[in-house]
Amino acid sequence: MSATAASLAVRPLVPRDRERVAAMTRAAGLFWDYEVPIALEVFDDATGANAAGVVDPDYESAGVVIDGALVGWAVWGPRPSEAGTFDLYWIVVDPGQQGRGFGGRLLDEMERRIAGRASQVIVETSGRADYEATRRFYQARGYQAIDRIADHYAPGDDQVVYRKRY
């Protein structure tokens, strides 16, 4: 086992991860400026880092940690009024760590934790060219594109909806 594999952990996110989550999300270079505060709001609610200091039970989270450093994060939760449907709200891996399987580990953790509760997971992502690797990632993990909404995020930035059934 390599040193990296020996020092790898997947754990729930905690409030002290906020700064690192913000830095990774900005560094990804894919999100619109207005999306980063939305990601942080979801993070805050998932971890209790919000003003109320309360964890929203409709969010679950995981982070990949190497040698004590957070290198990826994800937040998901059940879709209200749709029994068995979960949304993957955010998944981000540090750009310097991409391609090493950490995004897959985050999806594996989500799937492990929702097993027996989920009939499907929905993921919404961009149709822009710079998201091609993201779309291939989901497809390789068994997600199928089920919808495309033209100009959803901005002119020329379609929303692509993926689903994985269980």
N, C-alpha and C. Protein backbone atom coordinates (compact mmCIF):
# COMPACT_ATOMS: atom_id res chain seq x y z
N MET A 1 0.85 -1.17 0.00
CA MET A 1 0.00 0.00 0.00
C MET A 1 0.89 1.23 0.00
N SER A 2 0.57 2.22 -0.87
CA SER A 2 1.38 3.42 -0.95
C SER A 2 1.13 4.30 0.28
N ALA A 3 2.02 5.27 0.47
CA ALA A 3 1.86 6.19 1.59
C ALA A 3 0.57 6.99 1.43
N THR A 4 0.23 7.37 0.20
CA THR A 4 -1.00 8.12 -0.02
C THR A 4 -2.21 7.29 0.36
N ALA A 5 -2.25 6.02 -0.07
CA ALA A 5 -3.39 5.17 0.25
C ALA A 5 -3.49 4.97 1.76
N ALA A 6 -2.36 4.86 2.43
CA ALA A 6 -2.38 4.62 3.87
C ALA A 6 -2.89 5.84 4.63
N SER A 7 -2.77 7.04 4.06
CA SER A 7 -3.16 8.24 4.77
C SER A 7 -4.49 8.81 4.28
N LEU A 8 -5.22 8.04 3.49
CA LEU A 8 -6.49 8.48 2.92
C LEU A 8 -7.63 8.18 3.88
N ALA A 9 -8.53 9.17 4.05
CA ALA A 9 -9.73 8.95 4.86
C ALA A 9 -10.90 9.66 4.20
N VAL A 10 -12.08 9.10 4.39
CA VAL A 10 -13.32 9.75 3.98
C VAL A 10 -14.12 9.95 5.25
N ARG A 11 -14.55 11.20 5.47
CA ARG A 11 -15.24 11.53 6.71
C ARG A 11 -16.29 12.60 6.44
N PRO A 12 -17.24 12.76 7.36
CA PRO A 12 -18.20 13.86 7.21
C PRO A 12 -17.48 15.21 7.27
N LEU A 13 -18.02 16.19 6.58
CA LEU A 13 -17.48 17.54 6.67
C LEU A 13 -17.81 18.15 8.03
N VAL A 14 -16.97 19.06 8.47
CA VAL A 14 -17.18 19.76 9.74
C VAL A 14 -16.99 21.26 9.50
N PRO A 15 -17.52 22.11 10.38
CA PRO A 15 -17.43 23.56 10.16
C PRO A 15 -16.01 24.07 9.89
N ARG A 16 -15.01 23.49 10.52
CA ARG A 16 -13.64 23.99 10.31
C ARG A 16 -13.13 23.74 8.89
N ASP A 17 -13.85 22.95 8.08
CA ASP A 17 -13.48 22.71 6.69
C ASP A 17 -13.88 23.86 5.76
N ARG A 18 -14.64 24.82 6.27
CA ARG A 18 -15.26 25.84 5.41
C ARG A 18 -14.25 26.59 4.54
N GLU A 19 -13.17 27.06 5.12
CA GLU A 19 -12.19 27.83 4.36
C GLU A 19 -11.59 26.99 3.23
N ARG A 20 -11.28 25.76 3.53
CA ARG A 20 -10.70 24.87 2.51
C ARG A 20 -11.73 24.57 1.42
N VAL A 21 -12.98 24.33 1.81
CA VAL A 21 -14.05 24.09 0.83
C VAL A 21 -14.19 25.30 -0.10
N ALA A 22 -14.18 26.50 0.47
CA ALA A 22 -14.28 27.71 -0.35
C ALA A 22 -13.11 27.82 -1.31
N ALA A 23 -11.91 27.55 -0.83
CA ALA A 23 -10.72 27.65 -1.69
C ALA A 23 -10.77 26.64 -2.83
N MET A 24 -11.13 25.40 -2.53
CA MET A 24 -11.22 24.37 -3.58
C MET A 24 -12.27 24.72 -4.61
N THR A 25 -13.41 25.20 -4.13
CA THR A 25 -14.52 25.49 -5.02
C THR A 25 -14.14 26.63 -5.96
N ARG A 26 -13.49 27.65 -5.44
CA ARG A 26 -13.02 28.75 -6.31
C ARG A 26 -11.94 28.26 -7.27
N ALA A 27 -11.01 27.46 -6.77
CA ALA A 27 -9.88 26.99 -7.58
C ALA A 27 -10.32 26.07 -8.72
N ALA A 28 -11.46 25.43 -8.57
CA ALA A 28 -11.93 24.53 -9.63
C ALA A 28 -12.05 25.26 -10.95
N GLY A 29 -12.36 26.56 -10.90
CA GLY A 29 -12.40 27.36 -12.11
C GLY A 29 -13.58 27.07 -13.03
N LEU A 30 -14.55 26.35 -12.54
CA LEU A 30 -15.71 25.99 -13.36
C LEU A 30 -16.97 26.74 -12.98
N PHE A 31 -17.05 27.19 -11.76
CA PHE A 31 -18.30 27.74 -11.26
C PHE A 31 -18.38 29.24 -11.53
N TRP A 32 -19.61 29.71 -11.77
CA TRP A 32 -19.87 31.13 -11.88
C TRP A 32 -19.61 31.76 -10.51
N ASP A 33 -19.25 33.04 -10.50
CA ASP A 33 -18.97 33.73 -9.23
C ASP A 33 -20.12 33.61 -8.24
N TYR A 34 -21.35 33.65 -8.72
CA TYR A 34 -22.51 33.59 -7.81
C TYR A 34 -22.71 32.19 -7.23
N GLU A 35 -22.08 31.17 -7.82
CA GLU A 35 -22.29 29.81 -7.34
C GLU A 35 -21.49 29.49 -6.08
N VAL A 36 -20.34 30.11 -5.89
CA VAL A 36 -19.50 29.79 -4.73
C VAL A 36 -20.23 30.11 -3.42
N PRO A 37 -20.86 31.29 -3.28
CA PRO A 37 -21.63 31.52 -2.04
C PRO A 37 -22.78 30.53 -1.85
N ILE A 38 -23.37 30.07 -2.94
CA ILE A 38 -24.43 29.06 -2.83
C ILE A 38 -23.85 27.76 -2.30
N ALA A 39 -22.69 27.37 -2.83
CA ALA A 39 -22.02 26.15 -2.34
C ALA A 39 -21.72 26.27 -0.85
N LEU A 40 -21.25 27.43 -0.44
CA LEU A 40 -20.91 27.63 0.97
C LEU A 40 -22.15 27.65 1.85
N GLU A 41 -23.25 28.15 1.33
CA GLU A 41 -24.50 28.12 2.10
C GLU A 41 -24.95 26.67 2.33
N VAL A 42 -24.84 25.86 1.30
CA VAL A 42 -25.18 24.44 1.44
C VAL A 42 -24.22 23.77 2.42
N PHE A 43 -22.93 24.05 2.28
CA PHE A 43 -21.94 23.52 3.22
C PHE A 43 -22.30 23.92 4.65
N ASP A 44 -22.61 25.21 4.86
CA ASP A 44 -22.94 25.70 6.20
C ASP A 44 -24.13 24.95 6.78
N ASP A 45 -25.15 24.75 5.98
CA ASP A 45 -26.34 24.04 6.47
C ASP A 45 -26.03 22.57 6.74
N ALA A 46 -25.16 21.98 5.92
CA ALA A 46 -24.82 20.56 6.09
C ALA A 46 -23.96 20.30 7.32
N THR A 47 -23.22 21.33 7.75
CA THR A 47 -22.27 21.13 8.85
C THR A 47 -22.62 21.88 10.13
N GLY A 48 -23.62 22.73 10.06
CA GLY A 48 -23.94 23.55 11.22
C GLY A 48 -23.08 24.79 11.33
N ALA A 49 -22.38 25.15 10.25
CA ALA A 49 -21.56 26.36 10.24
C ALA A 49 -22.40 27.60 9.95
N ASN A 50 -23.71 27.43 9.87
CA ASN A 50 -24.62 28.55 9.60
C ASN A 50 -24.79 29.40 10.86
N ALA A 51 -25.49 30.54 10.70
CA ALA A 51 -25.67 31.47 11.81
C ALA A 51 -26.38 30.83 13.00
N ALA A 52 -27.29 29.88 12.71
CA ALA A 52 -28.03 29.22 13.79
C ALA A 52 -27.20 28.15 14.48
N GLY A 53 -26.10 27.73 13.85
CA GLY A 53 -25.27 26.67 14.42
C GLY A 53 -25.95 25.32 14.44
N VAL A 54 -26.89 25.12 13.50
CA VAL A 54 -27.69 23.91 13.47
C VAL A 54 -27.45 23.16 12.16
N VAL A 55 -27.27 21.86 12.25
CA VAL A 55 -27.12 21.02 11.06
C VAL A 55 -28.50 20.76 10.48
N ASP A 56 -28.65 21.01 9.19
CA ASP A 56 -29.92 20.72 8.50
C ASP A 56 -29.95 19.22 8.23
N PRO A 57 -30.93 18.49 8.78
CA PRO A 57 -30.97 17.04 8.61
C PRO A 57 -31.23 16.59 7.18
N ASP A 58 -31.58 17.51 6.29
CA ASP A 58 -31.81 17.14 4.90
C ASP A 58 -30.54 17.13 4.07
N TYR A 59 -29.41 17.43 4.69
CA TYR A 59 -28.12 17.39 4.00
C TYR A 59 -27.21 16.37 4.65
N GLU A 60 -26.45 15.69 3.81
CA GLU A 60 -25.40 14.79 4.27
C GLU A 60 -24.13 15.19 3.55
N SER A 61 -22.98 14.87 4.13
CA SER A 61 -21.73 15.34 3.55
C SER A 61 -20.62 14.32 3.71
N ALA A 62 -19.59 14.51 2.88
CA ALA A 62 -18.38 13.71 2.99
C ALA A 62 -17.22 14.53 2.45
N GLY A 63 -16.06 14.28 3.01
CA GLY A 63 -14.83 14.88 2.53
C GLY A 63 -13.76 13.82 2.41
N VAL A 64 -12.89 13.97 1.42
CA VAL A 64 -11.73 13.09 1.26
C VAL A 64 -10.53 13.85 1.84
N VAL A 65 -9.81 13.17 2.72
CA VAL A 65 -8.68 13.78 3.42
C VAL A 65 -7.44 12.94 3.15
N ILE A 66 -6.36 13.63 2.77
CA ILE A 66 -5.06 12.98 2.58
C ILE A 66 -4.07 13.67 3.51
N ASP A 67 -3.40 12.89 4.33
CA ASP A 67 -2.42 13.44 5.28
C ASP A 67 -2.99 14.63 6.04
N GLY A 68 -4.24 14.53 6.43
CA GLY A 68 -4.88 15.58 7.21
C GLY A 68 -5.43 16.75 6.41
N ALA A 69 -5.21 16.77 5.09
CA ALA A 69 -5.67 17.89 4.26
C ALA A 69 -6.89 17.47 3.45
N LEU A 70 -7.92 18.29 3.51
CA LEU A 70 -9.14 18.05 2.74
C LEU A 70 -8.85 18.30 1.26
N VAL A 71 -9.13 17.30 0.41
CA VAL A 71 -8.86 17.43 -1.02
C VAL A 71 -10.12 17.29 -1.87
N GLY A 72 -11.25 16.99 -1.26
CA GLY A 72 -12.50 16.89 -2.00
C GLY A 72 -13.66 16.90 -1.04
N TRP A 73 -14.82 17.36 -1.56
CA TRP A 73 -16.00 17.43 -0.70
C TRP A 73 -17.25 17.21 -1.52
N ALA A 74 -18.30 16.75 -0.83
CA ALA A 74 -19.60 16.52 -1.48
C ALA A 74 -20.71 16.71 -0.45
N VAL A 75 -21.85 17.20 -0.94
CA VAL A 75 -23.05 17.31 -0.13
C VAL A 75 -24.22 16.81 -0.96
N TRP A 76 -25.09 16.01 -0.34
CA TRP A 76 -26.26 15.45 -1.01
C TRP A 76 -27.41 15.40 -0.02
N GLY A 77 -28.59 15.08 -0.52
CA GLY A 77 -29.72 14.94 0.38
C GLY A 77 -30.96 14.48 -0.34
N PRO A 78 -31.95 14.06 0.43
CA PRO A 78 -33.21 13.60 -0.17
C PRO A 78 -33.95 14.78 -0.80
N ARG A 79 -34.57 14.51 -1.91
CA ARG A 79 -35.39 15.53 -2.57
C ARG A 79 -36.75 15.57 -1.89
N PRO A 80 -37.14 16.75 -1.43
CA PRO A 80 -38.44 16.85 -0.73
C PRO A 80 -39.59 16.38 -1.61
N SER A 81 -40.51 15.67 -1.02
CA SER A 81 -41.75 15.21 -1.67
C SER A 81 -41.52 14.22 -2.80
N GLU A 82 -40.33 13.63 -2.87
CA GLU A 82 -40.06 12.61 -3.89
C GLU A 82 -39.37 11.43 -3.21
N ALA A 83 -40.17 10.53 -2.69
CA ALA A 83 -39.65 9.40 -1.91
C ALA A 83 -38.59 8.64 -2.70
N GLY A 84 -37.44 8.44 -2.08
CA GLY A 84 -36.37 7.65 -2.68
C GLY A 84 -35.48 8.40 -3.64
N THR A 85 -35.76 9.67 -3.91
CA THR A 85 -34.92 10.46 -4.82
C THR A 85 -33.99 11.35 -4.01
N PHE A 86 -32.71 11.27 -4.33
CA PHE A 86 -31.69 12.09 -3.70
C PHE A 86 -31.05 12.99 -4.75
N ASP A 87 -30.65 14.17 -4.32
CA ASP A 87 -29.88 15.09 -5.15
C ASP A 87 -28.45 15.11 -4.69
N LEU A 88 -27.52 15.04 -5.63
CA LEU A 88 -26.12 15.34 -5.32
C LEU A 88 -25.98 16.83 -5.60
N TYR A 89 -25.88 17.63 -4.55
CA TYR A 89 -25.87 19.08 -4.68
C TYR A 89 -24.52 19.61 -5.12
N TRP A 90 -23.46 19.13 -4.48
CA TRP A 90 -22.11 19.62 -4.78
C TRP A 90 -21.11 18.48 -4.65
N ILE A 91 -20.18 18.45 -5.58
CA ILE A 91 -19.02 17.58 -5.46
C ILE A 91 -17.86 18.32 -6.12
N VAL A 92 -16.79 18.51 -5.35
CA VAL A 92 -15.64 19.27 -5.82
C VAL A 92 -14.38 18.55 -5.34
N VAL A 93 -13.43 18.40 -6.25
CA VAL A 93 -12.12 17.86 -5.90
C VAL A 93 -11.09 18.92 -6.27
N ASP A 94 -10.15 19.13 -5.37
CA ASP A 94 -9.08 20.09 -5.62
C ASP A 94 -8.48 19.84 -7.01
N PRO A 95 -8.32 20.89 -7.82
CA PRO A 95 -7.81 20.69 -9.18
C PRO A 95 -6.47 19.93 -9.23
N GLY A 96 -5.62 20.13 -8.25
CA GLY A 96 -4.34 19.43 -8.21
C GLY A 96 -4.45 17.96 -7.84
N GLN A 97 -5.63 17.52 -7.41
CA GLN A 97 -5.85 16.14 -6.99
C GLN A 97 -6.81 15.39 -7.93
N GLN A 98 -7.30 16.06 -8.95
CA GLN A 98 -8.25 15.43 -9.86
C GLN A 98 -7.59 14.31 -10.66
N GLY A 99 -8.40 13.34 -11.03
CA GLY A 99 -7.89 12.20 -11.80
C GLY A 99 -7.27 11.11 -10.95
N ARG A 100 -7.38 11.21 -9.64
CA ARG A 100 -6.79 10.23 -8.74
C ARG A 100 -7.84 9.36 -8.05
N GLY A 101 -9.10 9.51 -8.47
CA GLY A 101 -10.16 8.66 -7.93
C GLY A 101 -10.88 9.22 -6.73
N PHE A 102 -10.59 10.44 -6.32
CA PHE A 102 -11.20 10.99 -5.11
C PHE A 102 -12.67 11.35 -5.33
N GLY A 103 -13.02 11.82 -6.51
CA GLY A 103 -14.43 12.06 -6.82
C GLY A 103 -15.22 10.76 -6.75
N GLY A 104 -14.64 9.69 -7.26
CA GLY A 104 -15.27 8.38 -7.19
C GLY A 104 -15.44 7.91 -5.76
N ARG A 105 -14.47 8.19 -4.91
CA ARG A 105 -14.58 7.83 -3.50
C ARG A 105 -15.73 8.58 -2.83
N LEU A 106 -15.89 9.85 -3.21
CA LEU A 106 -17.00 10.62 -2.65
C LEU A 106 -18.35 10.05 -3.11
N LEU A 107 -18.45 9.69 -4.38
CA LEU A 107 -19.69 9.07 -4.86
C LEU A 107 -19.93 7.73 -4.18
N ASP A 108 -18.87 6.95 -4.01
CA ASP A 108 -19.01 5.66 -3.32
C ASP A 108 -19.53 5.87 -1.89
N GLU A 109 -19.01 6.89 -1.21
CA GLU A 109 -19.45 7.16 0.16
C GLU A 109 -20.92 7.57 0.18
N MET A 110 -21.31 8.44 -0.76
CA MET A 110 -22.71 8.83 -0.83
C MET A 110 -23.59 7.60 -1.07
N GLU A 111 -23.22 6.78 -2.04
CA GLU A 111 -24.03 5.61 -2.36
C GLU A 111 -24.09 4.62 -1.20
N ARG A 112 -23.00 4.47 -0.48
CA ARG A 112 -22.99 3.59 0.69
C ARG A 112 -23.96 4.11 1.75
N ARG A 113 -23.94 5.42 1.96
CA ARG A 113 -24.76 6.00 3.02
C ARG A 113 -26.24 6.12 2.67
N ILE A 114 -26.58 6.12 1.39
CA ILE A 114 -28.00 6.20 1.02
C ILE A 114 -28.57 4.84 0.63
N ALA A 115 -27.73 3.82 0.67
CA ALA A 115 -28.19 2.47 0.31
C ALA A 115 -29.41 2.09 1.15
N GLY A 116 -30.40 1.56 0.49
CA GLY A 116 -31.63 1.15 1.16
C GLY A 116 -32.63 2.28 1.32
N ARG A 117 -32.20 3.51 1.08
CA ARG A 117 -33.11 4.66 1.16
C ARG A 117 -33.37 5.27 -0.21
N ALA A 118 -32.44 5.09 -1.13
CA ALA A 118 -32.53 5.76 -2.43
C ALA A 118 -32.95 4.80 -3.53
N SER A 119 -33.84 5.28 -4.38
CA SER A 119 -34.17 4.56 -5.61
C SER A 119 -33.46 5.21 -6.79
N GLN A 120 -33.07 6.48 -6.62
CA GLN A 120 -32.33 7.17 -7.68
C GLN A 120 -31.63 8.40 -7.11
N VAL A 121 -30.57 8.81 -7.83
CA VAL A 121 -29.85 10.04 -7.52
C VAL A 121 -29.90 10.91 -8.76
N ILE A 122 -30.17 12.20 -8.53
CA ILE A 122 -30.21 13.18 -9.61
C ILE A 122 -29.01 14.12 -9.44
N VAL A 123 -28.35 14.40 -10.57
CA VAL A 123 -27.22 15.32 -10.59
C VAL A 123 -27.47 16.32 -11.71
N GLU A 124 -27.32 17.59 -11.39
CA GLU A 124 -27.46 18.65 -12.40
C GLU A 124 -26.09 19.28 -12.60
N THR A 125 -25.66 19.40 -13.86
CA THR A 125 -24.36 19.99 -14.16
C THR A 125 -24.45 20.81 -15.44
N SER A 126 -23.37 21.44 -15.77
CA SER A 126 -23.33 22.33 -16.92
C SER A 126 -23.08 21.57 -18.22
N GLY A 127 -23.60 22.14 -19.29
CA GLY A 127 -23.36 21.61 -20.63
C GLY A 127 -22.20 22.29 -21.34
N ARG A 128 -21.51 23.22 -20.65
CA ARG A 128 -20.38 23.92 -21.27
C ARG A 128 -19.27 22.94 -21.61
N ALA A 129 -18.46 23.33 -22.59
CA ALA A 129 -17.34 22.48 -23.03
C ALA A 129 -16.37 22.19 -21.89
N ASP A 130 -16.14 23.16 -21.00
CA ASP A 130 -15.19 22.93 -19.92
C ASP A 130 -15.71 21.97 -18.85
N TYR A 131 -16.95 21.54 -18.98
CA TYR A 131 -17.53 20.53 -18.10
C TYR A 131 -17.53 19.13 -18.73
N GLU A 132 -16.90 18.97 -19.86
CA GLU A 132 -16.90 17.67 -20.54
C GLU A 132 -16.35 16.57 -19.63
N ALA A 133 -15.25 16.84 -18.94
CA ALA A 133 -14.68 15.81 -18.05
C ALA A 133 -15.65 15.47 -16.92
N THR A 134 -16.37 16.45 -16.43
CA THR A 134 -17.37 16.22 -15.38
C THR A 134 -18.47 15.29 -15.89
N ARG A 135 -18.96 15.57 -17.10
CA ARG A 135 -20.03 14.73 -17.66
C ARG A 135 -19.53 13.31 -17.91
N ARG A 136 -18.31 13.18 -18.40
CA ARG A 136 -17.73 11.83 -18.60
C ARG A 136 -17.60 11.10 -17.27
N PHE A 137 -17.22 11.83 -16.21
CA PHE A 137 -17.10 11.24 -14.88
C PHE A 137 -18.43 10.62 -14.45
N TYR A 138 -19.51 11.36 -14.56
CA TYR A 138 -20.82 10.82 -14.17
C TYR A 138 -21.21 9.63 -15.04
N GLN A 139 -21.00 9.74 -16.31
CA GLN A 139 -21.35 8.64 -17.22
C GLN A 139 -20.57 7.38 -16.88
N ALA A 140 -19.30 7.53 -16.58
CA ALA A 140 -18.47 6.37 -16.22
C ALA A 140 -18.93 5.73 -14.92
N ARG A 141 -19.60 6.49 -14.07
CA ARG A 141 -20.09 5.99 -12.79
C ARG A 141 -21.53 5.48 -12.87
N GLY A 142 -22.08 5.35 -14.10
CA GLY A 142 -23.41 4.77 -14.27
C GLY A 142 -24.55 5.75 -14.31
N TYR A 143 -24.25 7.04 -14.37
CA TYR A 143 -25.29 8.06 -14.48
C TYR A 143 -25.64 8.25 -15.96
N GLN A 144 -26.92 8.41 -16.24
CA GLN A 144 -27.38 8.62 -17.61
C GLN A 144 -27.99 10.00 -17.74
N ALA A 145 -27.64 10.69 -18.83
CA ALA A 145 -28.23 12.00 -19.10
C ALA A 145 -29.70 11.80 -19.44
N ILE A 146 -30.57 12.51 -18.73
CA ILE A 146 -32.01 12.35 -18.95
C ILE A 146 -32.68 13.63 -19.43
N ASP A 147 -31.96 14.76 -19.34
CA ASP A 147 -32.56 16.01 -19.78
C ASP A 147 -31.46 17.03 -20.04
N ARG A 148 -31.78 17.97 -20.90
CA ARG A 148 -30.89 19.10 -21.19
C ARG A 148 -31.76 20.33 -21.33
N ILE A 149 -31.48 21.35 -20.53
CA ILE A 149 -32.27 22.58 -20.55
C ILE A 149 -31.37 23.69 -21.09
N ALA A 150 -31.70 24.15 -22.28
CA ALA A 150 -30.88 25.15 -22.96
C ALA A 150 -30.82 26.45 -22.16
N ASP A 151 -29.63 27.03 -22.11
CA ASP A 151 -29.41 28.35 -21.51
C ASP A 151 -29.90 28.47 -20.07
N HIS A 152 -29.86 27.37 -19.33
CA HIS A 152 -30.38 27.38 -17.97
C HIS A 152 -29.57 28.27 -17.03
N TYR A 153 -28.25 28.08 -17.01
CA TYR A 153 -27.40 28.82 -16.09
C TYR A 153 -27.07 30.21 -16.60
N ALA A 154 -26.92 30.31 -17.93
CA ALA A 154 -26.61 31.58 -18.60
C ALA A 154 -26.75 31.31 -20.10
N PRO A 155 -26.81 32.35 -20.91
CA PRO A 155 -26.84 32.11 -22.36
C PRO A 155 -25.65 31.25 -22.78
N GLY A 156 -25.95 30.15 -23.45
CA GLY A 156 -24.92 29.22 -23.89
C GLY A 156 -24.47 28.23 -22.84
N ASP A 157 -25.07 28.27 -21.67
CA ASP A 157 -24.69 27.36 -20.58
C ASP A 157 -25.91 26.53 -20.21
N ASP A 158 -26.04 25.40 -20.89
CA ASP A 158 -27.15 24.49 -20.67
C ASP A 158 -26.99 23.76 -19.35
N GLN A 159 -28.11 23.30 -18.81
CA GLN A 159 -28.09 22.39 -17.67
C GLN A 159 -28.28 20.98 -18.22
N VAL A 160 -27.42 20.05 -17.79
CA VAL A 160 -27.55 18.64 -18.16
C VAL A 160 -27.91 17.89 -16.88
N VAL A 161 -28.99 17.13 -16.93
CA VAL A 161 -29.48 16.40 -15.76
C VAL A 161 -29.15 14.93 -15.95
N TYR A 162 -28.50 14.37 -14.95
CA TYR A 162 -28.16 12.94 -14.94
C TYR A 162 -28.94 12.23 -13.85
N ARG A 163 -29.16 10.94 -14.09
CA ARG A 163 -29.83 10.12 -13.08
C ARG A 163 -29.16 8.75 -13.02
N LYS A 164 -29.07 8.25 -11.81
CA LYS A 164 -28.64 6.87 -11.59
C LYS A 164 -29.70 6.20 -10.76
N ARG A 165 -30.19 5.08 -11.25
CA ARG A 165 -31.21 4.31 -10.54
C ARG A 165 -30.58 3.17 -9.77
N TYR A 166 -31.24 2.80 -8.67
CA TYR A 166 -30.73 1.70 -7.83
C TYR A 166 -31.78 0.60 -7.76
